[in-house]
Amino acid sequence: MSSLNPFQAIEKLIVEHGSSVVQEKHIAFLREQLSAIKEERSLLLKQLSDSGADNKILRSENENLNQKIKEYEKPNDLPEHLDTPAFFVLTILAGKVSGASTGHIAHVTGQNVNDVMFHIDEFLEWGLVQLTRADTGAGCWYRLTAQGRAYYRKLDAKEHKS
């Protein structure tokens, strides 16, 4: 049996109509949010793609630099063994991070300065040492390069194996 109360039907109509209006507002809000999320997703995908390309470039550059470091540290076409006086000169330089003068090397090794300079000139040509200070009074100062240190470690390891 239906109710004879006319207000009940009107109330039901108002609730149903109000719900549909609220529902439409909610749907419109959700559509706006979805649109904003899609835009943000698109932007993030583009950033991800760009960073992936940047990452690939950086990895390639890193690999090239690592290869250059290996080439720089690897002694190329250097003798497998040095004579004892030359090895002593290299040993003195390996023990002096800031370098050593030709006079000091000659004194410690018991060689004359001309012999020391002969070995230093060879080492300069091979890229094993570099001039750090030129002083006419005390002699020139030299120190090992990174390649020189790598070469010394290689020779020193062989000396200790024998």
Protein backbone atom coordinates (compact mmCIF):
# COMPACT_ATOMS: atom_id res chain seq x y z
CA MET A 1 0.00 0.00 0.00
CA SER A 2 1.34 3.36 -0.92
CA SER A 3 1.44 6.18 1.47
CA LEU A 4 -1.10 8.92 1.15
CA ASN A 5 1.40 11.47 2.39
CA PRO A 6 2.17 13.76 -0.64
CA PHE A 7 5.25 15.13 1.02
CA GLN A 8 6.90 11.73 1.05
CA ALA A 9 6.88 11.54 -2.75
CA ILE A 10 8.17 15.11 -3.02
CA GLU A 11 10.88 14.37 -0.47
CA LYS A 12 11.90 11.27 -2.40
CA LEU A 13 12.09 13.29 -5.63
CA ILE A 14 14.23 15.99 -3.95
CA VAL A 15 16.66 13.41 -2.50
CA GLU A 16 16.98 11.62 -5.84
CA HIS A 17 17.47 14.90 -7.72
CA GLY A 18 19.94 16.19 -5.09
CA SER A 19 21.92 12.98 -5.23
CA SER A 20 22.23 13.19 -8.99
CA VAL A 21 23.42 16.80 -8.77
CA VAL A 22 25.98 15.86 -6.11
CA GLN A 23 26.95 12.84 -8.16
CA GLU A 24 27.50 15.01 -11.25
CA LYS A 25 29.69 17.36 -9.19
CA HIS A 26 31.70 14.42 -7.92
CA ILE A 27 32.07 13.00 -11.42
CA ALA A 28 33.19 16.40 -12.75
CA PHE A 29 35.73 16.67 -9.92
CA LEU A 30 37.03 13.15 -10.60
CA ARG A 31 37.34 13.93 -14.32
CA GLU A 32 39.41 17.03 -13.51
CA GLN A 33 41.61 14.99 -11.20
CA LEU A 34 42.02 12.27 -13.82
CA SER A 35 42.97 14.85 -16.43
CA ALA A 36 45.56 16.40 -14.08
CA ILE A 37 46.96 12.95 -13.28
CA LYS A 38 47.23 12.11 -16.99
CA GLU A 39 49.10 15.38 -17.63
CA GLU A 40 51.45 14.73 -14.72
CA ARG A 41 52.02 11.16 -15.91
CA SER A 42 52.83 12.41 -19.39
CA LEU A 43 55.30 14.93 -17.96
CA LEU A 44 56.92 12.30 -15.74
CA LEU A 45 57.21 9.85 -18.65
CA LYS A 46 58.95 12.55 -20.70
CA GLN A 47 61.30 13.33 -17.80
CA LEU A 48 62.00 9.62 -17.41
CA SER A 49 62.75 9.30 -21.10
CA ASP A 50 65.04 12.35 -20.99
CA SER A 51 66.83 11.08 -17.89
CA GLY A 52 67.25 7.68 -19.53
CA ALA A 53 68.92 9.34 -22.50
CA ASP A 54 71.06 11.45 -20.16
CA ASN A 55 71.94 8.31 -18.20
CA LYS A 56 72.98 6.55 -21.40
CA ILE A 57 75.20 9.50 -22.39
CA LEU A 58 76.76 9.67 -18.92
CA ARG A 59 77.40 5.92 -18.88
CA SER A 60 79.12 6.19 -22.25
CA GLU A 61 81.24 9.13 -21.06
CA ASN A 62 82.08 7.25 -17.86
CA GLU A 63 83.17 4.20 -19.86
CA ASN A 64 85.35 6.38 -22.10
CA LEU A 65 86.95 8.03 -19.07
CA ASN A 66 87.56 4.66 -17.40
CA GLN A 67 89.22 3.45 -20.60
CA LYS A 68 91.42 6.56 -20.69
CA ILE A 69 92.39 5.99 -17.05
CA LYS A 70 93.34 2.39 -17.82
CA GLU A 71 95.41 3.51 -20.80
CA TYR A 72 97.01 6.26 -18.74
CA GLU A 73 97.92 3.96 -15.87
CA LYS A 74 99.06 1.12 -18.11
CA PRO A 75 102.71 1.45 -18.98
CA ASN A 76 102.91 1.08 -22.76
CA ASP A 77 105.97 -0.34 -24.48
CA LEU A 78 108.08 -0.01 -21.36
CA PRO A 79 110.84 -2.45 -20.54
CA GLU A 80 109.83 -5.44 -18.45
CA HIS A 81 112.96 -4.96 -16.33
CA LEU A 82 115.21 -2.02 -15.43
CA ASP A 83 118.87 -2.28 -14.61
CA THR A 84 119.62 -1.90 -10.91
CA PRO A 85 120.75 1.78 -10.97
CA ALA A 86 117.65 2.83 -12.90
CA PHE A 87 115.40 0.83 -10.58
CA PHE A 88 117.05 2.53 -7.56
CA VAL A 89 116.27 5.96 -9.04
CA LEU A 90 112.65 4.90 -9.58
CA THR A 91 112.49 3.50 -6.04
CA ILE A 92 113.71 6.79 -4.52
CA LEU A 93 111.09 8.73 -6.50
CA ALA A 94 108.37 6.25 -5.51
CA GLY A 95 109.14 6.92 -1.86
CA LYS A 96 108.89 10.70 -2.23
CA VAL A 97 105.37 11.94 -2.96
CA SER A 98 106.53 15.55 -3.34
CA GLY A 99 109.50 14.48 -5.45
CA ALA A 100 113.26 14.47 -4.99
CA SER A 101 116.18 16.44 -6.34
CA THR A 102 118.74 14.90 -8.64
CA GLY A 103 121.38 15.62 -5.99
CA HIS A 104 119.42 13.75 -3.32
CA ILE A 105 118.86 10.77 -5.62
CA ALA A 106 122.57 10.68 -6.50
CA HIS A 107 123.54 10.84 -2.83
CA VAL A 108 121.13 8.09 -1.72
CA THR A 109 121.88 5.72 -4.63
CA GLY A 110 125.62 6.37 -4.68
CA GLN A 111 125.47 7.30 -8.38
CA ASN A 112 126.89 10.44 -9.88
CA VAL A 113 124.45 13.16 -10.91
CA ASN A 114 125.05 12.61 -14.64
CA ASP A 115 124.02 8.95 -14.34
CA VAL A 116 120.92 9.94 -12.38
CA MET A 117 120.05 12.51 -15.06
CA PHE A 118 120.46 9.84 -17.75
CA HIS A 119 117.80 7.71 -16.03
CA ILE A 120 115.58 10.73 -15.31
CA ASP A 121 115.73 11.74 -18.99
CA GLU A 122 114.61 8.23 -19.98
CA PHE A 123 111.81 8.34 -17.43
CA LEU A 124 110.71 11.77 -18.71
CA GLU A 125 110.59 10.43 -22.26
CA TRP A 126 108.51 7.46 -21.14
CA GLY A 127 106.12 9.69 -19.18
CA LEU A 128 107.05 8.14 -15.83
CA VAL A 129 108.31 11.32 -14.13
CA GLN A 130 107.63 15.02 -14.31
CA LEU A 131 109.68 18.05 -13.40
CA THR A 132 108.24 19.65 -10.28
CA ARG A 133 110.79 22.35 -9.56
CA ALA A 134 113.81 23.70 -11.40
CA ASP A 135 116.41 25.23 -9.13
CA THR A 136 119.91 25.86 -10.38
CA GLY A 137 121.33 25.87 -6.84
CA ALA A 138 119.91 22.58 -5.54
CA GLY A 139 119.21 20.78 -8.81
CA CYS A 140 115.92 19.92 -10.42
CA TRP A 141 113.18 18.12 -8.55
CA TYR A 142 111.22 15.28 -10.12
CA ARG A 143 108.34 13.11 -9.05
CA LEU A 144 106.57 10.07 -10.45
CA THR A 145 103.47 10.49 -12.56
CA ALA A 146 100.47 8.19 -12.12
CA GLN A 147 101.84 6.09 -14.97
CA GLY A 148 105.23 6.04 -13.23
CA ARG A 149 103.66 4.82 -9.99
CA ALA A 150 101.80 2.05 -11.85
CA TYR A 151 104.99 1.03 -13.64
CA TYR A 152 106.96 1.03 -10.37
CA ARG A 153 104.31 -1.14 -8.65
CA LYS A 154 104.51 -3.57 -11.56
CA LEU A 155 108.33 -3.74 -11.42
CA ASP A 156 108.38 -3.89 -7.63
CA ALA A 157 105.93 -6.80 -7.63
CA LYS A 158 108.20 -8.67 -10.08
CA GLU A 159 111.25 -7.95 -7.94
CA HIS A 160 109.52 -9.40 -4.88
CA LYS A 161 108.45 -12.54 -6.76
CA SER A 162 112.02 -13.37 -7.75
